[in-house]
Amino acid sequence: MAPIPFEHALVLASVLFVLGLVALLIRRNLIVMLMSVEIMLNAAGLAFIAAGSRWGQPDGQVMFLLILTLAAAEVGVGLGLGLQVYRRHKTLDVDRLSEMQG
């Protein structure tokens, strides 16, 4: 099986990053926004893996492990905060939460 070309991996990473960014900017639900950030982090990890594979360096894999750790921490904290926000305000819509604050 032939390896995936470097350019194709970067194009896929770019498309995933842009999709995550667009979803982050368009959607106002806190859970969807967290998922969008996860997609963006995974796209960055894919770019690091592709670059490390292209030049034969293990640094891309190390960076991907760091990104996975960061993503796991972000999900844990984000979902915990989201749960508290929902319990207090009964909504996860970011625009409605901004209106409530004044």
PDB file of N, CA and C in Angstrom:
ATOM      1  N   MET A   1       0.847  -1.177   0.000  1.00  0.00           N
ATOM      2  CA  MET A   1       0.000   0.000   0.000  1.00  0.00           C
ATOM      3  C   MET A   1       0.893   1.241   0.000  1.00  0.00           C
ATOM      4  N   ALA A   2       0.621   2.153  -0.892  1.00  0.00           N
ATOM      5  CA  ALA A   2       1.442   3.357  -1.027  1.00  0.00           C
ATOM      6  C   ALA A   2       1.094   4.358   0.072  1.00  0.00           C
ATOM      7  N   PRO A   3       2.101   5.091   0.555  1.00  0.00           N
ATOM      8  CA  PRO A   3       1.816   6.107   1.586  1.00  0.00           C
ATOM      9  C   PRO A   3       1.013   7.274   1.004  1.00  0.00           C
ATOM     10  N   ILE A   4       0.301   7.932   1.871  1.00  0.00           N
ATOM     11  CA  ILE A   4      -0.484   9.099   1.458  1.00  0.00           C
ATOM     12  C   ILE A   4       0.477  10.249   1.188  1.00  0.00           C
ATOM     13  N   PRO A   5       0.339  10.929   0.050  1.00  0.00           N
ATOM     14  CA  PRO A   5       1.237  12.059  -0.228  1.00  0.00           C
ATOM     15  C   PRO A   5       1.094  13.167   0.820  1.00  0.00           C
ATOM     16  N   PHE A   6       2.198  13.844   1.059  1.00  0.00           N
ATOM     17  CA  PHE A   6       2.263  14.908   2.064  1.00  0.00           C
ATOM     18  C   PHE A   6       1.246  16.003   1.779  1.00  0.00           C
ATOM     19  N   GLU A   7       1.126  16.373   0.513  1.00  0.00           N
ATOM     20  CA  GLU A   7       0.215  17.457   0.145  1.00  0.00           C
ATOM     21  C   GLU A   7      -1.238  17.082   0.434  1.00  0.00           C
ATOM     22  N   HIS A   8      -1.587  15.819   0.204  1.00  0.00           N
ATOM     23  CA  HIS A   8      -2.964  15.386   0.465  1.00  0.00           C
ATOM     24  C   HIS A   8      -3.287  15.444   1.952  1.00  0.00           C
ATOM     25  N   ALA A   9      -2.323  15.048   2.771  1.00  0.00           N
ATOM     26  CA  ALA A   9      -2.539  15.101   4.221  1.00  0.00           C
ATOM     27  C   ALA A   9      -2.696  16.546   4.689  1.00  0.00           C
ATOM     28  N   LEU A  10      -1.897  17.454   4.122  1.00  0.00           N
ATOM     29  CA  LEU A  10      -2.019  18.864   4.513  1.00  0.00           C
ATOM     30  C   LEU A  10      -3.335  19.471   4.039  1.00  0.00           C
ATOM     31  N   VAL A  11      -3.784  19.075   2.860  1.00  0.00           N
ATOM     32  CA  VAL A  11      -5.074  19.567   2.371  1.00  0.00           C
ATOM     33  C   VAL A  11      -6.200  19.062   3.274  1.00  0.00           C
ATOM     34  N   LEU A  12      -6.145  17.786   3.652  1.00  0.00           N
ATOM     35  CA  LEU A  12      -7.160  17.240   4.555  1.00  0.00           C
ATOM     36  C   LEU A  12      -7.130  17.949   5.905  1.00  0.00           C
ATOM     37  N   ALA A  13      -5.936  18.191   6.437  1.00  0.00           N
ATOM     38  CA  ALA A  13      -5.816  18.903   7.713  1.00  0.00           C
ATOM     39  C   ALA A  13      -6.369  20.321   7.590  1.00  0.00           C
ATOM     40  N   SER A  14      -6.094  20.974   6.474  1.00  0.00           N
ATOM     41  CA  SER A  14      -6.599  22.336   6.270  1.00  0.00           C
ATOM     42  C   SER A  14      -8.119  22.359   6.177  1.00  0.00           C
ATOM     43  N   VAL A  15      -8.681  21.400   5.450  1.00  0.00           N
ATOM     44  CA  VAL A  15     -10.138  21.337   5.314  1.00  0.00           C
ATOM     45  C   VAL A  15     -10.789  21.086   6.671  1.00  0.00           C
ATOM     46  N   LEU A  16     -10.229  20.155   7.439  1.00  0.00           N
ATOM     47  CA  LEU A  16     -10.774  19.886   8.771  1.00  0.00           C
ATOM     48  C   LEU A  16     -10.676  21.112   9.674  1.00  0.00           C
ATOM     49  N   PHE A  17      -9.546  21.808   9.613  1.00  0.00           N
ATOM     50  CA  PHE A  17      -9.373  22.995  10.447  1.00  0.00           C
ATOM     51  C   PHE A  17     -10.380  24.075  10.072  1.00  0.00           C
ATOM     52  N   VAL A  18     -10.571  24.294   8.781  1.00  0.00           N
ATOM     53  CA  VAL A  18     -11.523  25.318   8.333  1.00  0.00           C
ATOM     54  C   VAL A  18     -12.952  24.925   8.706  1.00  0.00           C
ATOM     55  N   LEU A  19     -13.298  23.637   8.578  1.00  0.00           N
ATOM     56  CA  LEU A  19     -14.635  23.198   8.986  1.00  0.00           C
ATOM     57  C   LEU A  19     -14.862  23.431  10.475  1.00  0.00           C
ATOM     58  N   GLY A  20     -13.863  23.129  11.277  1.00  0.00           N
ATOM     59  CA  GLY A  20     -13.977  23.379  12.709  1.00  0.00           C
ATOM     60  C   GLY A  20     -14.104  24.858  13.020  1.00  0.00           C
ATOM     61  N   LEU A  21     -13.337  25.683  12.316  1.00  0.00           N
ATOM     62  CA  LEU A  21     -13.385  27.128  12.537  1.00  0.00           C
ATOM     63  C   LEU A  21     -14.737  27.705  12.136  1.00  0.00           C
ATOM     64  N   VAL A  22     -15.255  27.270  10.993  1.00  0.00           N
ATOM     65  CA  VAL A  22     -16.565  27.753  10.539  1.00  0.00           C
ATOM     66  C   VAL A  22     -17.656  27.336  11.524  1.00  0.00           C
ATOM     67  N   ALA A  23     -17.605  26.091  11.974  1.00  0.00           N
ATOM     68  CA  ALA A  23     -18.601  25.632  12.951  1.00  0.00           C
ATOM     69  C   ALA A  23     -18.481  26.405  14.256  1.00  0.00           C
ATOM     70  N   LEU A  24     -17.262  26.726  14.661  1.00  0.00           N
ATOM     71  CA  LEU A  24     -17.055  27.497  15.887  1.00  0.00           C
ATOM     72  C   LEU A  24     -17.645  28.898  15.765  1.00  0.00           C
ATOM     73  N   LEU A  25     -17.520  29.494  14.591  1.00  0.00           N
ATOM     74  CA  LEU A  25     -18.021  30.852  14.392  1.00  0.00           C
ATOM     75  C   LEU A  25     -19.532  30.899  14.164  1.00  0.00           C
ATOM     76  N   ILE A  26     -20.091  29.849  13.567  1.00  0.00           N
ATOM     77  CA  ILE A  26     -21.509  29.875  13.217  1.00  0.00           C
ATOM     78  C   ILE A  26     -22.395  29.372  14.349  1.00  0.00           C
ATOM     79  N   ARG A  27     -22.042  28.236  14.931  1.00  0.00           N
ATOM     80  CA  ARG A  27     -22.893  27.617  15.941  1.00  0.00           C
ATOM     81  C   ARG A  27     -22.733  28.311  17.280  1.00  0.00           C
ATOM     82  N   ARG A  28     -23.813  28.414  18.035  1.00  0.00           N
ATOM     83  CA  ARG A  28     -23.788  29.120  19.311  1.00  0.00           C
ATOM     84  C   ARG A  28     -23.989  28.193  20.505  1.00  0.00           C
ATOM     85  N   ASN A  29     -24.125  26.905  20.286  1.00  0.00           N
ATOM     86  CA  ASN A  29     -24.282  25.947  21.377  1.00  0.00           C
ATOM     87  C   ASN A  29     -22.905  25.628  21.947  1.00  0.00           C
ATOM     88  N   LEU A  30     -22.798  25.618  23.255  1.00  0.00           N
ATOM     89  CA  LEU A  30     -21.513  25.416  23.917  1.00  0.00           C
ATOM     90  C   LEU A  30     -20.915  24.048  23.599  1.00  0.00           C
ATOM     91  N   ILE A  31     -21.724  23.005  23.539  1.00  0.00           N
ATOM     92  CA  ILE A  31     -21.232  21.657  23.244  1.00  0.00           C
ATOM     93  C   ILE A  31     -20.711  21.584  21.812  1.00  0.00           C
ATOM     94  N   VAL A  32     -21.432  22.167  20.875  1.00  0.00           N
ATOM     95  CA  VAL A  32     -20.991  22.166  19.480  1.00  0.00           C
ATOM     96  C   VAL A  32     -19.704  22.974  19.336  1.00  0.00           C
ATOM     97  N   MET A  33     -19.580  24.045  20.087  1.00  0.00           N
ATOM     98  CA  MET A  33     -18.350  24.837  20.036  1.00  0.00           C
ATOM     99  C   MET A  33     -17.159  24.032  20.566  1.00  0.00           C
ATOM    100  N   LEU A  34     -17.367  23.262  21.624  1.00  0.00           N
ATOM    101  CA  LEU A  34     -16.298  22.397  22.132  1.00  0.00           C
ATOM    102  C   LEU A  34     -15.914  21.336  21.102  1.00  0.00           C
ATOM    103  N   MET A  35     -16.900  20.764  20.427  1.00  0.00           N
ATOM    104  CA  MET A  35     -16.609  19.774  19.387  1.00  0.00           C
ATOM    105  C   MET A  35     -15.846  20.408  18.231  1.00  0.00           C
ATOM    106  N   SER A  36     -16.159  21.648  17.906  1.00  0.00           N
ATOM    107  CA  SER A  36     -15.456  22.347  16.834  1.00  0.00           C
ATOM    108  C   SER A  36     -13.994  22.572  17.188  1.00  0.00           C
ATOM    109  N   VAL A  37     -13.740  22.931  18.426  1.00  0.00           N
ATOM    110  CA  VAL A  37     -12.353  23.105  18.870  1.00  0.00           C
ATOM    111  C   VAL A  37     -11.612  21.774  18.813  1.00  0.00           C
ATOM    112  N   GLU A  38     -12.299  20.688  19.149  1.00  0.00           N
ATOM    113  CA  GLU A  38     -11.685  19.357  19.064  1.00  0.00           C
ATOM    114  C   GLU A  38     -11.316  19.022  17.623  1.00  0.00           C
ATOM    115  N   ILE A  39     -12.181  19.338  16.686  1.00  0.00           N
ATOM    116  CA  ILE A  39     -11.886  19.093  15.274  1.00  0.00           C
ATOM    117  C   ILE A  39     -10.671  19.901  14.849  1.00  0.00           C
ATOM    118  N   MET A  40     -10.587  21.143  15.287  1.00  0.00           N
ATOM    119  CA  MET A  40      -9.442  21.980  14.939  1.00  0.00           C
ATOM    120  C   MET A  40      -8.149  21.430  15.537  1.00  0.00           C
ATOM    121  N   LEU A  41      -8.200  20.968  16.773  1.00  0.00           N
ATOM    122  CA  LEU A  41      -7.006  20.390  17.396  1.00  0.00           C
ATOM    123  C   LEU A  41      -6.577  19.109  16.685  1.00  0.00           C
ATOM    124  N   ASN A  42      -7.528  18.282  16.292  1.00  0.00           N
ATOM    125  CA  ASN A  42      -7.184  17.066  15.559  1.00  0.00           C
ATOM    126  C   ASN A  42      -6.606  17.379  14.184  1.00  0.00           C
ATOM    127  N   ALA A  43      -7.088  18.436  13.549  1.00  0.00           N
ATOM    128  CA  ALA A  43      -6.523  18.845  12.265  1.00  0.00           C
ATOM    129  C   ALA A  43      -5.075  19.299  12.433  1.00  0.00           C
ATOM    130  N   ALA A  44      -4.797  20.036  13.493  1.00  0.00           N
ATOM    131  CA  ALA A  44      -3.415  20.444  13.756  1.00  0.00           C
ATOM    132  C   ALA A  44      -2.542  19.229  14.039  1.00  0.00           C
ATOM    133  N   GLY A  45      -3.081  18.264  14.770  1.00  0.00           N
ATOM    134  CA  GLY A  45      -2.338  17.035  15.037  1.00  0.00           C
ATOM    135  C   GLY A  45      -2.045  16.262  13.762  1.00  0.00           C
ATOM    136  N   LEU A  46      -3.006  16.207  12.850  1.00  0.00           N
ATOM    137  CA  LEU A  46      -2.792  15.540  11.569  1.00  0.00           C
ATOM    138  C   LEU A  46      -1.690  16.230  10.774  1.00  0.00           C
ATOM    139  N   ALA A  47      -1.661  17.547  10.805  1.00  0.00           N
ATOM    140  CA  ALA A  47      -0.600  18.276  10.103  1.00  0.00           C
ATOM    141  C   ALA A  47       0.765  17.959  10.706  1.00  0.00           C
ATOM    142  N   PHE A  48       0.851  17.867  12.024  1.00  0.00           N
ATOM    143  CA  PHE A  48       2.123  17.507  12.659  1.00  0.00           C
ATOM    144  C   PHE A  48       2.544  16.089  12.287  1.00  0.00           C
ATOM    145  N   ILE A  49       1.607  15.157  12.284  1.00  0.00           N
ATOM    146  CA  ILE A  49       1.921  13.775  11.908  1.00  0.00           C
ATOM    147  C   ILE A  49       2.401  13.715  10.462  1.00  0.00           C
ATOM    148  N   ALA A  50       1.728  14.425   9.568  1.00  0.00           N
ATOM    149  CA  ALA A  50       2.123  14.423   8.160  1.00  0.00           C
ATOM    150  C   ALA A  50       3.513  15.021   7.978  1.00  0.00           C
ATOM    151  N   ALA A  51       3.791  16.119   8.676  1.00  0.00           N
ATOM    152  CA  ALA A  51       5.110  16.746   8.551  1.00  0.00           C
ATOM    153  C   ALA A  51       6.199  15.846   9.124  1.00  0.00           C
ATOM    154  N   GLY A  52       5.934  15.217  10.244  1.00  0.00           N
ATOM    155  CA  GLY A  52       6.915  14.310  10.820  1.00  0.00           C
ATOM    156  C   GLY A  52       7.173  13.115   9.922  1.00  0.00           C
ATOM    157  N   SER A  53       6.130  12.612   9.287  1.00  0.00           N
ATOM    158  CA  SER A  53       6.283  11.489   8.368  1.00  0.00           C
ATOM    159  C   SER A  53       7.045  11.902   7.114  1.00  0.00           C
ATOM    160  N   ARG A  54       6.789  13.106   6.655  1.00  0.00           N
ATOM    161  CA  ARG A  54       7.448  13.596   5.427  1.00  0.00           C
ATOM    162  C   ARG A  54       8.951  13.688   5.599  1.00  0.00           C
ATOM    163  N   TRP A  55       9.396  14.199   6.744  1.00  0.00           N
ATOM    164  CA  TRP A  55      10.826  14.392   6.963  1.00  0.00           C
ATOM    165  C   TRP A  55      11.449  13.314   7.844  1.00  0.00           C
ATOM    166  N   GLY A  56      10.683  12.283   8.165  1.00  0.00           N
ATOM    167  CA  GLY A  56      11.220  11.165   8.919  1.00  0.00           C
ATOM    168  C   GLY A  56      11.629  11.502  10.341  1.00  0.00           C
ATOM    169  N   GLN A  57      10.930  12.437  10.955  1.00  0.00           N
ATOM    170  CA  GLN A  57      11.240  12.855  12.321  1.00  0.00           C
ATOM    171  C   GLN A  57      10.118  12.414  13.264  1.00  0.00           C
ATOM    172  N   PRO A  58      10.463  11.990  14.468  1.00  0.00           N
ATOM    173  CA  PRO A  58       9.425  11.597  15.431  1.00  0.00           C
ATOM    174  C   PRO A  58       8.780  12.791  16.138  1.00  0.00           C
ATOM    175  N   ASP A  59       9.236  13.991  15.852  1.00  0.00           N
ATOM    176  CA  ASP A  59       8.706  15.179  16.525  1.00  0.00           C
ATOM    177  C   ASP A  59       7.212  15.376  16.268  1.00  0.00           C
ATOM    178  N   GLY A  60       6.750  15.012  15.077  1.00  0.00           N
ATOM    179  CA  GLY A  60       5.330  15.149  14.766  1.00  0.00           C
ATOM    180  C   GLY A  60       4.464  14.280  15.656  1.00  0.00           C
ATOM    181  N   GLN A  61       4.941  13.073  15.942  1.00  0.00           N
ATOM    182  CA  GLN A  61       4.186  12.184  16.819  1.00  0.00           C
ATOM    183  C   GLN A  61       4.184  12.692  18.252  1.00  0.00           C
ATOM    184  N   VAL A  62       5.302  13.252  18.683  1.00  0.00           N
ATOM    185  CA  VAL A  62       5.375  13.817  20.039  1.00  0.00           C
ATOM    186  C   VAL A  62       4.411  14.994  20.167  1.00  0.00           C
ATOM    187  N   MET A  63       4.392  15.856  19.159  1.00  0.00           N
ATOM    188  CA  MET A  63       3.470  16.995  19.195  1.00  0.00           C
ATOM    189  C   MET A  63       2.016  16.523  19.182  1.00  0.00           C
ATOM    190  N   PHE A  64       1.745  15.444  18.430  1.00  0.00           N
ATOM    191  CA  PHE A  64       0.382  14.919  18.404  1.00  0.00           C
ATOM    192  C   PHE A  64      -0.032  14.406  19.779  1.00  0.00           C
ATOM    193  N   LEU A  65       0.881  13.761  20.486  1.00  0.00           N
ATOM    194  CA  LEU A  65       0.571  13.307  21.843  1.00  0.00           C
ATOM    195  C   LEU A  65       0.295  14.489  22.769  1.00  0.00           C
ATOM    196  N   LEU A  66       1.051  15.562  22.606  1.00  0.00           N
ATOM    197  CA  LEU A  66       0.796  16.758  23.407  1.00  0.00           C
ATOM    198  C   LEU A  66      -0.563  17.372  23.066  1.00  0.00           C
ATOM    199  N   ILE A  67      -0.901  17.371  21.790  1.00  0.00           N
ATOM    200  CA  ILE A  67      -2.197  17.908  21.366  1.00  0.00           C
ATOM    201  C   ILE A  67      -3.333  17.053  21.921  1.00  0.00           C
ATOM    202  N   LEU A  68      -3.162  15.720  21.904  1.00  0.00           N
ATOM    203  CA  LEU A  68      -4.192  14.849  22.474  1.00  0.00           C
ATOM    204  C   LEU A  68      -4.383  15.110  23.960  1.00  0.00           C
ATOM    205  N   THR A  69      -3.283  15.327  24.666  1.00  0.00           N
ATOM    206  CA  THR A  69      -3.366  15.627  26.094  1.00  0.00           C
ATOM    207  C   THR A  69      -4.089  16.949  26.322  1.00  0.00           C
ATOM    208  N   LEU A  70      -3.740  17.950  25.538  1.00  0.00           N
ATOM    209  CA  LEU A  70      -4.398  19.251  25.639  1.00  0.00           C
ATOM    210  C   LEU A  70      -5.885  19.133  25.328  1.00  0.00           C
ATOM    211  N   ALA A  71      -6.225  18.357  24.301  1.00  0.00           N
ATOM    212  CA  ALA A  71      -7.628  18.194  23.922  1.00  0.00           C
ATOM    213  C   ALA A  71      -8.422  17.492  25.020  1.00  0.00           C
ATOM    214  N   ALA A  72      -7.815  16.493  25.648  1.00  0.00           N
ATOM    215  CA  ALA A  72      -8.514  15.790  26.728  1.00  0.00           C
ATOM    216  C   ALA A  72      -8.754  16.716  27.913  1.00  0.00           C
ATOM    217  N   ALA A  73      -7.767  17.523  28.253  1.00  0.00           N
ATOM    218  CA  ALA A  73      -7.937  18.474  29.354  1.00  0.00           C
ATOM    219  C   ALA A  73      -8.995  19.516  29.006  1.00  0.00           C
ATOM    220  N   GLU A  74      -8.979  19.968  27.767  1.00  0.00           N
ATOM    221  CA  GLU A  74      -9.948  20.980  27.328  1.00  0.00           C
ATOM    222  C   GLU A  74     -11.367  20.436  27.394  1.00  0.00           C
ATOM    223  N   VAL A  75     -11.557  19.188  26.993  1.00  0.00           N
ATOM    224  CA  VAL A  75     -12.891  18.584  27.041  1.00  0.00           C
ATOM    225  C   VAL A  75     -13.345  18.416  28.481  1.00  0.00           C
ATOM    226  N   GLY A  76     -12.458  17.962  29.334  1.00  0.00           N
ATOM    227  CA  GLY A  76     -12.829  17.774  30.738  1.00  0.00           C
ATOM    228  C   GLY A  76     -13.250  19.064  31.401  1.00  0.00           C
ATOM    229  N   VAL A  77     -12.457  20.095  31.227  1.00  0.00           N
ATOM    230  CA  VAL A  77     -12.780  21.391  31.832  1.00  0.00           C
ATOM    231  C   VAL A  77     -14.007  22.007  31.161  1.00  0.00           C
ATOM    232  N   GLY A  78     -14.064  21.945  29.840  1.00  0.00           N
ATOM    233  CA  GLY A  78     -15.180  22.543  29.116  1.00  0.00           C
ATOM    234  C   GLY A  78     -16.513  21.899  29.442  1.00  0.00           C
ATOM    235  N   LEU A  79     -16.542  20.572  29.500  1.00  0.00           N
ATOM    236  CA  LEU A  79     -17.802  19.903  29.829  1.00  0.00           C
ATOM    237  C   LEU A  79     -18.196  20.136  31.281  1.00  0.00           C
ATOM    238  N   GLY A  80     -17.218  20.202  32.166  1.00  0.00           N
ATOM    239  CA  GLY A  80     -17.524  20.514  33.565  1.00  0.00           C
ATOM    240  C   GLY A  80     -18.122  21.898  33.717  1.00  0.00           C
ATOM    241  N   LEU A  81     -17.525  22.870  33.044  1.00  0.00           N
ATOM    242  CA  LEU A  81     -18.075  24.229  33.084  1.00  0.00           C
ATOM    243  C   LEU A  81     -19.437  24.296  32.401  1.00  0.00           C
ATOM    244  N   GLY A  82     -19.577  23.578  31.280  1.00  0.00           N
ATOM    245  CA  GLY A  82     -20.857  23.555  30.583  1.00  0.00           C
ATOM    246  C   GLY A  82     -21.964  22.964  31.430  1.00  0.00           C
ATOM    247  N   LEU A  83     -21.646  21.937  32.187  1.00  0.00           N
ATOM    248  CA  LEU A  83     -22.632  21.329  33.080  1.00  0.00           C
ATOM    249  C   LEU A  83     -23.070  22.311  34.159  1.00  0.00           C
ATOM    250  N   GLN A  84     -22.127  23.041  34.721  1.00  0.00           N
ATOM    251  CA  GLN A  84     -22.475  24.039  35.739  1.00  0.00           C
ATOM    252  C   GLN A  84     -23.299  25.187  35.144  1.00  0.00           C
ATOM    253  N   VAL A  85     -22.945  25.621  33.942  1.00  0.00           N
ATOM    254  CA  VAL A  85     -23.707  26.686  33.279  1.00  0.00           C
ATOM    255  C   VAL A  85     -25.133  26.212  33.012  1.00  0.00           C
ATOM    256  N   TYR A  86     -25.282  24.969  32.551  1.00  0.00           N
ATOM    257  CA  TYR A  86     -26.626  24.461  32.266  1.00  0.00           C
ATOM    258  C   TYR A  86     -27.452  24.337  33.541  1.00  0.00           C
ATOM    259  N   ARG A  87     -26.844  23.889  34.615  1.00  0.00           N
ATOM    260  CA  ARG A  87     -27.582  23.766  35.879  1.00  0.00           C
ATOM    261  C   ARG A  87     -28.047  25.123  36.394  1.00  0.00           C
ATOM    262  N   ARG A  88     -27.238  26.135  36.186  1.00  0.00           N
ATOM    263  CA  ARG A  88     -27.575  27.457  36.710  1.00  0.00           C
ATOM    264  C   ARG A  88     -28.539  28.215  35.803  1.00  0.00           C
ATOM    265  N   HIS A  89     -28.320  28.167  34.483  1.00  0.00           N
ATOM    266  CA  HIS A  89     -29.087  29.012  33.563  1.00  0.00           C
ATOM    267  C   HIS A  89     -30.075  28.246  32.684  1.00  0.00           C
ATOM    268  N   LYS A  90     -30.038  26.917  32.698  1.00  0.00           N
ATOM    269  CA  LYS A  90     -30.934  26.068  31.909  1.00  0.00           C
ATOM    270  C   LYS A  90     -30.816  26.302  30.410  1.00  0.00           C
ATOM    271  N   THR A  91     -29.658  26.716  29.939  1.00  0.00           N
ATOM    272  CA  THR A  91     -29.404  26.874  28.515  1.00  0.00           C
ATOM    273  C   THR A  91     -27.905  26.736  28.258  1.00  0.00           C
ATOM    274  N   LEU A  92     -27.577  26.326  27.030  1.00  0.00           N
ATOM    275  CA  LEU A  92     -26.180  26.268  26.603  1.00  0.00           C
ATOM    276  C   LEU A  92     -25.927  27.201  25.425  1.00  0.00           C
ATOM    277  N   ASP A  93     -26.915  28.033  25.089  1.00  0.00           N
ATOM    278  CA  ASP A  93     -26.772  28.989  24.000  1.00  0.00           C
ATOM    279  C   ASP A  93     -25.924  30.161  24.479  1.00  0.00           C
ATOM    280  N   VAL A  94     -24.801  30.378  23.807  1.00  0.00           N
ATOM    281  CA  VAL A  94     -23.852  31.405  24.234  1.00  0.00           C
ATOM    282  C   VAL A  94     -24.457  32.801  24.112  1.00  0.00           C
ATOM    283  N   ASP A  95     -25.259  33.040  23.081  1.00  0.00           N
ATOM    284  CA  ASP A  95     -25.874  34.360  22.917  1.00  0.00           C
ATOM    285  C   ASP A  95     -26.863  34.657  24.048  1.00  0.00           C
ATOM    286  N   ARG A  96     -27.656  33.679  24.433  1.00  0.00           N
ATOM    287  CA  ARG A  96     -28.608  33.894  25.532  1.00  0.00           C
ATOM    288  C   ARG A  96     -27.880  34.098  26.846  1.00  0.00           C
ATOM    289  N   LEU A  97     -26.765  33.403  27.040  1.00  0.00           N
ATOM    290  CA  LEU A  97     -25.986  33.600  28.264  1.00  0.00           C
ATOM    291  C   LEU A  97     -25.403  35.009  28.320  1.00  0.00           C
ATOM    292  N   SER A  98     -24.991  35.543  27.167  1.00  0.00           N
ATOM    293  CA  SER A  98     -24.475  36.915  27.128  1.00  0.00           C
ATOM    294  C   SER A  98     -25.570  37.923  27.442  1.00  0.00           C
ATOM    295  N   GLU A  99     -26.793  37.673  26.949  1.00  0.00           N
ATOM    296  CA  GLU A  99     -27.910  38.570  27.235  1.00  0.00           C
ATOM    297  C   GLU A  99     -28.269  38.553  28.714  1.00  0.00           C
ATOM    298  N   MET A 100     -28.177  37.392  29.346  1.00  0.00           N
ATOM    299  CA  MET A 100     -28.518  37.284  30.763  1.00  0.00           C
ATOM    300  C   MET A 100     -27.548  38.048  31.643  1.00  0.00           C
ATOM    301  N   GLN A 101     -26.310  38.113  31.212  1.00  0.00           N
ATOM    302  CA  GLN A 101     -25.302  38.769  32.042  1.00  0.00           C
ATOM    303  C   GLN A 101     -25.506  40.279  32.062  1.00  0.00           C
ATOM    304  N   GLY A 102     -26.022  40.821  30.997  1.00  0.00           N
ATOM    305  CA  GLY A 102     -26.305  42.244  30.999  1.00  0.00           C
ATOM    306  C   GLY A 102     -25.334  42.948  30.184  1.00  0.00           C
TER     307      GLY A 102
END
